[in-house]
Amino acid sequence: MLMRYKETDPFYLTEKWRAFAAKIRRRDKYQCQICKRYGKYVEGTIVHHIKPREEYPELAYDPENCATLCEACHNKMHPEKGRKALRQRRRYRRYD
């Protein structure tokens, strides 16, 4: 089974985050905000931090710093967390 990034970071498992993320998805009408800019209406399932939470922890719960994205757009925003990066990490681990 593949471990997704959110499953490994305890922040995303908190009740506070889950409630906040639900509010953001409702605000964005469950639509990917990037696809919407291009006239496509795709279901958004992931709440994305525009400025990374690791670098700007004070913005973690700022609604202006979050947007709902579809999985494809979110993977484009975070290529280091996608499946290709996971395969790369696994490949390098074999040689340790």
C-alpha atoms as a PDB file:
ATOM      1  CA  MET A   1       0.000   0.000   0.000  1.00  0.00           C
ATOM      2  CA  LEU A   2       1.290   3.460  -0.907  1.00  0.00           C
ATOM      3  CA  MET A   3       1.553   5.942   1.958  1.00  0.00           C
ATOM      4  CA  ARG A   4       0.355   9.357   0.939  1.00  0.00           C
ATOM      5  CA  TYR A   5       2.138  12.409   2.321  1.00  0.00           C
ATOM      6  CA  LYS A   6      -0.884  13.531   4.328  1.00  0.00           C
ATOM      7  CA  GLU A   7      -1.048  10.154   6.056  1.00  0.00           C
ATOM      8  CA  THR A   8       2.513  10.547   7.306  1.00  0.00           C
ATOM      9  CA  ASP A   9       2.173  14.111   8.630  1.00  0.00           C
ATOM     10  CA  PRO A  10       0.214  14.220  11.922  1.00  0.00           C
ATOM     11  CA  PHE A  11      -0.924  17.809  11.220  1.00  0.00           C
ATOM     12  CA  TYR A  12      -3.338  16.566   8.557  1.00  0.00           C
ATOM     13  CA  LEU A  13      -4.858  14.011  10.930  1.00  0.00           C
ATOM     14  CA  THR A  14      -6.030  16.545  13.528  1.00  0.00           C
ATOM     15  CA  GLU A  15      -9.704  17.328  13.961  1.00  0.00           C
ATOM     16  CA  LYS A  16      -8.880  21.053  13.698  1.00  0.00           C
ATOM     17  CA  TRP A  17      -7.335  20.603  10.224  1.00  0.00           C
ATOM     18  CA  ARG A  18     -10.144  18.350   9.009  1.00  0.00           C
ATOM     19  CA  ALA A  19     -12.794  20.888  10.054  1.00  0.00           C
ATOM     20  CA  PHE A  20     -10.817  23.763   8.514  1.00  0.00           C
ATOM     21  CA  ALA A  21     -10.267  21.854   5.256  1.00  0.00           C
ATOM     22  CA  ALA A  22     -13.987  21.052   5.043  1.00  0.00           C
ATOM     23  CA  LYS A  23     -14.756  24.796   5.304  1.00  0.00           C
ATOM     24  CA  ILE A  24     -12.293  25.585   2.510  1.00  0.00           C
ATOM     25  CA  ARG A  25     -13.763  22.911   0.227  1.00  0.00           C
ATOM     26  CA  ARG A  26     -17.281  24.273   0.900  1.00  0.00           C
ATOM     27  CA  ARG A  27     -16.098  27.847   0.249  1.00  0.00           C
ATOM     28  CA  ASP A  28     -14.638  26.728  -3.099  1.00  0.00           C
ATOM     29  CA  LYS A  29     -17.799  24.735  -3.919  1.00  0.00           C
ATOM     30  CA  TYR A  30     -15.759  21.510  -4.105  1.00  0.00           C
ATOM     31  CA  GLN A  31     -14.166  22.677  -7.361  1.00  0.00           C
ATOM     32  CA  CYS A  32     -10.501  22.745  -8.321  1.00  0.00           C
ATOM     33  CA  GLN A  33      -9.588  26.411  -8.365  1.00  0.00           C
ATOM     34  CA  ILE A  34      -6.844  25.997 -10.986  1.00  0.00           C
ATOM     35  CA  CYS A  35      -9.052  24.075 -13.423  1.00  0.00           C
ATOM     36  CA  LYS A  36     -11.830  26.607 -12.836  1.00  0.00           C
ATOM     37  CA  ARG A  37      -9.555  29.416 -14.063  1.00  0.00           C
ATOM     38  CA  TYR A  38      -9.386  27.618 -17.403  1.00  0.00           C
ATOM     39  CA  GLY A  39     -13.130  27.072 -17.680  1.00  0.00           C
ATOM     40  CA  LYS A  40     -13.048  23.415 -16.593  1.00  0.00           C
ATOM     41  CA  TYR A  41     -15.122  22.261 -13.655  1.00  0.00           C
ATOM     42  CA  VAL A  42     -13.299  19.425 -11.929  1.00  0.00           C
ATOM     43  CA  GLU A  43     -14.046  18.131  -8.445  1.00  0.00           C
ATOM     44  CA  GLY A  44     -11.550  19.425  -5.909  1.00  0.00           C
ATOM     45  CA  THR A  45     -10.673  17.062  -3.076  1.00  0.00           C
ATOM     46  CA  ILE A  46      -7.384  18.417  -1.714  1.00  0.00           C
ATOM     47  CA  VAL A  47      -6.878  21.620   0.268  1.00  0.00           C
ATOM     48  CA  HIS A  48      -3.563  23.132  -0.801  1.00  0.00           C
ATOM     49  CA  HIS A  49      -1.442  25.603   1.161  1.00  0.00           C
ATOM     50  CA  ILE A  50      -0.418  28.314  -1.322  1.00  0.00           C
ATOM     51  CA  LYS A  51       2.565  29.309   0.812  1.00  0.00           C
ATOM     52  CA  PRO A  52       4.053  26.076   2.208  1.00  0.00           C
ATOM     53  CA  ARG A  53       3.069  25.257   5.775  1.00  0.00           C
ATOM     54  CA  GLU A  54       6.629  24.181   6.561  1.00  0.00           C
ATOM     55  CA  GLU A  55       7.938  27.655   5.695  1.00  0.00           C
ATOM     56  CA  TYR A  56       4.946  29.689   6.926  1.00  0.00           C
ATOM     57  CA  PRO A  57       3.418  27.829   9.899  1.00  0.00           C
ATOM     58  CA  GLU A  58       1.553  30.969  10.950  1.00  0.00           C
ATOM     59  CA  LEU A  59      -0.520  30.705   7.738  1.00  0.00           C
ATOM     60  CA  ALA A  60      -1.554  27.067   8.262  1.00  0.00           C
ATOM     61  CA  TYR A  61      -5.138  28.043   9.126  1.00  0.00           C
ATOM     62  CA  ASP A  62      -5.391  31.209   7.041  1.00  0.00           C
ATOM     63  CA  PRO A  63      -8.228  30.781   4.526  1.00  0.00           C
ATOM     64  CA  GLU A  64      -6.504  33.193   2.118  1.00  0.00           C
ATOM     65  CA  ASN A  65      -3.513  30.827   2.008  1.00  0.00           C
ATOM     66  CA  CYS A  66      -5.573  27.764   1.052  1.00  0.00           C
ATOM     67  CA  ALA A  67      -7.329  26.608  -2.097  1.00  0.00           C
ATOM     68  CA  THR A  68      -9.168  23.473  -3.148  1.00  0.00           C
ATOM     69  CA  LEU A  69      -7.426  21.526  -5.922  1.00  0.00           C
ATOM     70  CA  CYS A  70      -7.977  18.305  -7.814  1.00  0.00           C
ATOM     71  CA  GLU A  71      -5.358  15.606  -7.354  1.00  0.00           C
ATOM     72  CA  ALA A  72      -3.791  16.259 -10.775  1.00  0.00           C
ATOM     73  CA  CYS A  73      -3.278  19.980 -10.125  1.00  0.00           C
ATOM     74  CA  HIS A  74      -2.021  19.332  -6.606  1.00  0.00           C
ATOM     75  CA  ASN A  75       0.547  16.856  -7.951  1.00  0.00           C
ATOM     76  CA  LYS A  76       1.707  19.507 -10.435  1.00  0.00           C
ATOM     77  CA  MET A  77       2.170  21.940  -7.539  1.00  0.00           C
ATOM     78  CA  HIS A  78       4.129  19.326  -5.535  1.00  0.00           C
ATOM     79  CA  PRO A  79       6.086  17.098  -7.920  1.00  0.00           C
ATOM     80  CA  GLU A  80       8.345  16.097  -5.011  1.00  0.00           C
ATOM     81  CA  LYS A  81       5.388  14.361  -3.313  1.00  0.00           C
ATOM     82  CA  GLY A  82       3.908  12.506  -6.286  1.00  0.00           C
ATOM     83  CA  ARG A  83       4.204   8.879  -7.347  1.00  0.00           C
ATOM     84  CA  LYS A  84       7.210   9.545  -9.565  1.00  0.00           C
ATOM     85  CA  ALA A  85       9.104  10.968  -6.576  1.00  0.00           C
ATOM     86  CA  LEU A  86       8.054   7.973  -4.485  1.00  0.00           C
ATOM     87  CA  ARG A  87       9.469   5.610  -7.116  1.00  0.00           C
ATOM     88  CA  GLN A  88      12.701   7.630  -7.131  1.00  0.00           C
ATOM     89  CA  ARG A  89      13.009   7.438  -3.340  1.00  0.00           C
ATOM     90  CA  ARG A  90      12.408   3.696  -3.420  1.00  0.00           C
ATOM     91  CA  ARG A  91      15.031   3.253  -6.138  1.00  0.00           C
ATOM     92  CA  TYR A  92      17.639   5.107  -4.094  1.00  0.00           C
ATOM     93  CA  ARG A  93      16.745   3.219  -0.926  1.00  0.00           C
ATOM     94  CA  ARG A  94      17.641  -0.078  -2.614  1.00  0.00           C
ATOM     95  CA  TYR A  95      21.276   1.001  -2.835  1.00  0.00           C
ATOM     96  CA  ASP A  96      21.631   1.999   0.841  1.00  0.00           C
END
